[in-house]
Amino acid sequence: MRTPNTLVVYDVPDDCKRGKIADACLDYGLDRIQFSSFLGALLPTHQQELMLKVKKILGRKAGNIQLFPICADDWAKRKVIDQKPEERE
């Protein structure tokens, strides 16, 4: 079984909680692709663990955290534009 690609995105107003959620995503080996977006391969059990962990971190504070498993077919169809700033001479 292939490990599914996983996208985690969140909107959490509390700076402290937001930082701890980012740390949790990094602890699970996800890569930051945007300020509050992480991507990587996670087994379904690790997806569940991560969501339980971030729910605990969030506690009763406001926030929206979403995890999307992405199948291999959909992953192959993704479109990416990743431009780096031009270097000045």
Protein backbone atom coordinates (compact mmCIF):
# COMPACT_ATOMS: atom_id res chain seq x y z
CA MET A 1 0.00 0.00 0.00
CA ARG A 2 1.33 3.42 -0.94
CA THR A 3 1.43 6.08 1.71
CA PRO A 4 -1.08 8.73 0.64
CA ASN A 5 0.00 12.30 0.15
CA THR A 6 -1.62 14.47 2.77
CA LEU A 7 -2.41 18.17 2.72
CA VAL A 8 -3.03 19.98 6.01
CA VAL A 9 -4.30 23.56 5.96
CA TYR A 10 -5.41 25.68 8.86
CA ASP A 11 -6.60 29.11 9.91
CA VAL A 12 -5.90 29.70 13.60
CA PRO A 13 -5.95 33.29 14.93
CA ASP A 14 -3.97 32.54 18.12
CA ASP A 15 -0.24 32.91 17.33
CA CYS A 16 0.89 30.49 20.04
CA LYS A 17 -1.57 27.77 18.99
CA ARG A 18 -0.75 28.31 15.32
CA GLY A 19 2.96 27.84 16.01
CA LYS A 20 2.37 24.65 17.98
CA ILE A 21 0.20 23.25 15.19
CA ALA A 22 2.97 24.01 12.69
CA ASP A 23 5.46 22.24 14.95
CA ALA A 24 3.17 19.19 15.11
CA CYS A 25 2.96 19.06 11.31
CA LEU A 26 6.75 19.28 11.09
CA ASP A 27 7.09 16.55 13.74
CA TYR A 28 5.08 14.25 11.45
CA GLY A 29 7.48 14.94 8.59
CA LEU A 30 5.22 17.26 6.61
CA ASP A 31 6.80 20.05 4.56
CA ARG A 32 5.57 23.63 4.79
CA ILE A 33 4.31 24.75 1.38
CA GLN A 34 2.59 27.95 2.51
CA PHE A 35 2.48 29.74 5.85
CA SER A 36 -0.36 27.58 7.20
CA SER A 37 -0.22 24.68 4.73
CA PHE A 38 1.76 21.48 5.01
CA LEU A 39 2.18 18.55 2.63
CA GLY A 40 3.70 15.10 2.91
CA ALA A 41 3.11 11.38 3.01
CA LEU A 42 1.23 10.09 6.07
CA LEU A 43 -0.30 6.71 6.73
CA PRO A 44 -3.99 6.83 7.70
CA THR A 45 -3.11 6.04 11.33
CA HIS A 46 -0.67 8.95 11.41
CA GLN A 47 -3.31 11.21 9.85
CA GLN A 48 -5.65 10.33 12.72
CA GLU A 49 -2.92 10.84 15.32
CA LEU A 50 -2.00 14.23 13.90
CA MET A 51 -5.61 15.41 13.88
CA LEU A 52 -6.05 14.30 17.50
CA LYS A 53 -2.86 16.12 18.45
CA VAL A 54 -3.80 19.39 16.73
CA LYS A 55 -7.32 19.22 18.15
CA LYS A 56 -5.80 18.97 21.61
CA ILE A 57 -3.43 21.86 20.86
CA LEU A 58 -6.31 24.03 19.62
CA GLY A 59 -8.38 23.28 22.71
CA ARG A 60 -11.34 25.65 22.97
CA LYS A 61 -9.72 28.40 20.88
CA ALA A 62 -11.16 29.43 17.50
CA GLY A 63 -9.70 27.76 14.44
CA ASN A 64 -10.25 25.70 11.33
CA ILE A 65 -7.93 22.76 10.61
CA GLN A 66 -8.45 20.52 7.59
CA LEU A 67 -6.62 17.40 6.44
CA PHE A 68 -6.98 16.14 2.88
CA PRO A 69 -5.66 12.72 1.82
CA ILE A 70 -4.73 12.88 -1.86
CA CYS A 71 -4.78 9.70 -3.94
CA ALA A 72 -1.93 8.96 -6.35
CA ASP A 73 -4.08 9.65 -9.43
CA ASP A 74 -5.10 13.09 -8.19
CA TRP A 75 -1.55 13.82 -7.05
CA ALA A 76 -0.26 13.06 -10.56
CA LYS A 77 -2.74 15.61 -11.97
CA ARG A 78 -1.68 18.48 -9.71
CA LYS A 79 -0.52 21.77 -11.20
CA VAL A 80 2.24 23.77 -9.53
CA ILE A 81 3.74 27.18 -10.20
CA ASP A 82 6.78 27.69 -7.98
CA GLN A 83 8.72 30.77 -9.02
CA LYS A 84 11.75 31.90 -7.09
CA PRO A 85 12.76 35.57 -6.99
CA GLU A 86 15.36 36.52 -9.56
CA GLU A 87 18.86 36.92 -8.21
CA ARG A 88 20.39 40.33 -8.60
CA GLU A 89 23.90 40.64 -9.89
